[in-house]
Protein backbone atom coordinates (compact mmCIF):
# COMPACT_ATOMS: atom_id res chain seq x y z
CA MET A 1 -5.84 -18.96 11.64
CA LEU A 2 -4.81 -16.15 13.98
CA PHE A 3 -5.45 -12.49 13.27
CA ARG A 4 -2.71 -9.96 14.00
CA PRO A 5 -3.49 -6.22 14.29
CA TYR A 6 -1.74 -3.88 11.86
CA ASP A 7 1.23 -2.10 13.43
CA ARG A 8 0.52 1.28 11.87
CA LEU A 9 3.44 3.01 13.56
CA GLU A 10 5.88 0.42 12.21
CA ALA A 11 4.44 0.77 8.69
CA VAL A 12 4.73 4.57 8.78
CA SER A 13 8.20 4.46 10.32
CA TYR A 14 9.23 2.27 7.37
CA ALA A 15 7.53 4.66 4.94
CA HIS A 16 9.50 7.62 6.26
CA ARG A 17 12.78 5.70 6.34
CA TRP A 18 12.58 4.63 2.70
CA ALA A 19 10.55 7.44 1.08
CA TYR A 20 13.61 8.93 -0.61
CA GLY A 21 15.68 5.78 -0.83
CA ARG A 22 15.47 2.11 -1.63
CA ASN A 23 15.72 -0.79 0.78
CA PRO A 24 18.42 -3.01 -0.77
CA ALA A 25 16.42 -6.11 0.21
CA PHE A 26 13.88 -5.23 -2.52
CA TYR A 27 14.31 -4.58 -6.24
CA ASP A 28 13.61 -1.04 -7.50
CA TYR A 29 10.99 -1.24 -10.27
CA GLU A 30 11.18 2.49 -11.06
CA GLU A 31 12.57 2.01 -14.56
CA ILE A 32 10.18 -0.79 -15.54
CA GLY A 33 6.73 0.52 -14.74
CA GLY A 34 7.08 2.23 -11.37
CA ASP A 35 7.90 1.39 -7.79
CA CYS A 36 4.86 2.76 -5.91
CA THR A 37 3.07 -0.51 -5.16
CA ASN A 38 6.32 -2.32 -4.36
CA TYR A 39 6.99 0.44 -1.80
CA ALA A 40 3.41 0.30 -0.46
CA SER A 41 3.71 -3.49 -0.10
CA GLN A 42 6.97 -3.08 1.81
CA CYS A 43 5.26 -0.63 4.18
CA ILE A 44 2.32 -3.00 4.70
CA TYR A 45 4.72 -5.89 5.28
CA ALA A 46 6.61 -3.81 7.86
CA GLY A 47 3.30 -3.40 9.70
CA THR A 48 2.13 -7.02 9.43
CA GLY A 49 5.16 -9.28 9.03
CA VAL A 50 3.12 -11.83 7.07
CA MET A 51 3.31 -12.80 3.40
CA ASN A 52 1.13 -15.22 1.46
CA TYR A 53 3.23 -17.49 -0.77
CA THR A 54 0.33 -18.82 -2.85
CA PRO A 55 1.52 -18.79 -6.49
CA THR A 56 -0.19 -16.17 -8.67
CA PHE A 57 -2.89 -15.12 -6.19
CA GLY A 58 -0.81 -14.61 -3.03
CA TRP A 59 1.12 -11.57 -1.82
CA TYR A 60 4.83 -12.12 -1.47
CA TYR A 61 8.31 -11.03 -2.47
CA ILE A 62 11.28 -13.40 -2.61
CA ASN A 63 13.38 -11.61 -5.23
CA SER A 64 12.93 -9.44 -8.33
CA ASN A 65 11.92 -12.46 -10.42
CA ASP A 66 9.95 -14.32 -7.77
CA LYS A 67 7.12 -12.17 -6.46
CA SER A 68 3.37 -12.14 -6.72
CA PRO A 69 1.57 -9.77 -9.11
CA SER A 70 -0.11 -8.23 -6.03
CA TRP A 71 3.25 -7.14 -4.60
CA THR A 72 3.89 -4.64 -7.42
CA GLY A 73 0.59 -4.24 -9.30
CA VAL A 74 -1.88 -1.55 -8.20
CA GLU A 75 -5.06 -3.43 -9.14
CA PHE A 76 -3.66 -6.79 -7.98
CA LEU A 77 -2.75 -5.35 -4.56
CA ARG A 78 -6.32 -4.09 -4.13
CA ASP A 79 -7.75 -7.45 -5.18
CA PHE A 80 -5.54 -9.33 -2.71
CA LEU A 81 -6.18 -7.01 0.24
CA VAL A 82 -9.99 -7.04 -0.08
CA ARG A 83 -10.31 -10.79 -0.77
CA GLU A 84 -13.10 -12.60 1.03
CA GLU A 85 -11.36 -15.87 1.89
CA ARG A 86 -9.34 -16.16 5.10
CA SER A 87 -5.80 -16.76 3.94
CA ALA A 88 -2.39 -15.66 5.19
CA GLY A 89 -1.45 -12.02 4.81
CA PRO A 90 -2.84 -8.54 5.26
CA VAL A 91 -6.50 -7.70 4.71
CA ALA A 92 -8.24 -4.40 4.08
CA GLN A 93 -11.62 -2.79 3.61
CA GLU A 94 -12.10 -0.56 0.59
CA THR A 95 -13.88 2.74 1.13
CA GLN A 96 -14.43 6.06 -0.62
CA ASP A 97 -14.48 7.86 2.73
CA LEU A 98 -11.18 9.72 3.18
CA SER A 99 -12.04 10.36 6.83
CA ARG A 100 -11.58 6.59 7.42
CA ALA A 101 -7.97 6.65 6.19
CA ARG A 102 -5.53 5.91 9.01
CA LEU A 103 -1.76 5.78 9.39
CA GLY A 104 -0.29 3.13 7.09
CA ASP A 105 -3.38 2.80 4.90
CA VAL A 106 -3.03 2.98 1.12
CA ILE A 107 -4.97 5.48 -0.99
CA GLN A 108 -4.94 4.32 -4.59
CA LEU A 109 -5.30 6.96 -7.28
CA ARG A 110 -6.63 6.87 -10.83
CA PHE A 111 -5.28 9.63 -13.07
CA SER A 112 -6.94 8.61 -16.35
CA GLY A 113 -8.81 5.72 -17.92
CA ASP A 114 -10.48 2.96 -15.93
CA VAL A 115 -7.49 1.54 -14.06
CA PHE A 116 -5.96 2.82 -10.82
CA GLN A 117 -2.29 3.72 -11.28
CA HIS A 118 -0.72 4.84 -7.98
CA SER A 119 -0.50 3.55 -4.38
CA PRO A 120 0.65 6.18 -1.87
CA VAL A 121 0.80 5.36 1.85
CA VAL A 122 -0.90 7.57 4.45
CA VAL A 123 1.63 9.10 6.87
CA GLN A 124 -0.76 11.65 8.36
CA PRO A 125 -4.54 11.11 8.28
CA ASN A 126 -7.19 13.76 8.77
CA SER A 127 -10.42 12.88 10.57
CA ASP A 128 -12.52 15.27 8.49
CA GLY A 129 -11.25 13.71 5.23
CA ASN A 130 -9.73 16.93 3.88
CA PRO A 131 -7.30 15.86 1.09
CA ALA A 132 -5.16 18.95 1.75
CA LYS A 133 -4.52 17.67 5.27
CA ILE A 134 -3.98 14.00 4.43
CA LEU A 135 -0.26 13.48 3.88
CA VAL A 136 1.25 10.56 1.99
CA ALA A 137 4.59 8.97 1.14
CA ALA A 138 5.23 7.24 -2.18
CA HIS A 139 7.71 6.04 -4.76
CA SER A 140 7.67 6.53 -8.54
CA VAL A 141 7.93 10.20 -7.78
CA ASP A 142 9.56 9.92 -4.37
CA VAL A 143 7.66 11.93 -1.75
CA ASP A 144 7.12 12.10 1.98
CA TRP A 145 4.58 14.28 3.80
CA ARG A 146 2.94 15.20 0.46
CA PRO A 147 -0.65 16.50 0.66
CA LEU A 148 -3.04 14.18 -1.18
CA SER A 149 -4.68 17.26 -2.71
CA THR A 150 -1.51 18.03 -4.73
CA TYR A 151 -2.11 15.02 -6.97
CA ASP A 152 -4.24 15.61 -10.08
CA TYR A 153 -6.40 12.48 -9.76
CA GLN A 154 -9.80 11.57 -11.19
CA ALA A 155 -10.69 9.02 -8.53
CA TYR A 156 -9.37 7.50 -5.33
CA ARG A 157 -10.07 4.56 -3.08
CA VAL A 158 -8.88 3.99 0.46
CA LEU A 159 -7.57 0.55 1.35
CA HIS A 160 -8.03 0.57 5.10
CA ILE A 161 -5.67 -2.12 6.43
CA LEU A 162 -7.31 -4.11 9.23
CA GLY A 163 -4.45 -6.48 10.10
CA ALA A 164 -3.20 -9.81 8.85
CA PHE A 165 -4.12 -13.46 9.06
CA VAL A 166 -1.23 -15.51 10.40
CA PRO A 167 -1.05 -19.21 9.53
């Protein structure tokens, strides 16, 4: 299986283009639980070009009724990206180090409870890890260039996208 580097500039270009709009090729889940992870998945796909069509445990979008849980679910996206087996699709390393966040990475946020609830995409990293200088784009509350520090979160995790396995 080949490994393709993540095109961070393409992912971020996509993030900016659709931050305040919706790509008509994808359903808008805003009214039924939120659209943040759907949007993050679209950005990652723009930077990798590879889906994994494995039922249930893959990462894919065909239409609003035929998609993997990882395409729209915060916890499921994390689980898919940090999987250990070599299978088609993007892969990531999870870290708590904000200084490791790069363009196109996803910083998942937990606002309450034990489950992470939001998946913004990094559009401007900061090498010293200062949340006031890390800017993100997201759906659910549509934003672009928003400082990470303006979210009232209890915890975060960085999903540092490495690239994608290509079948």
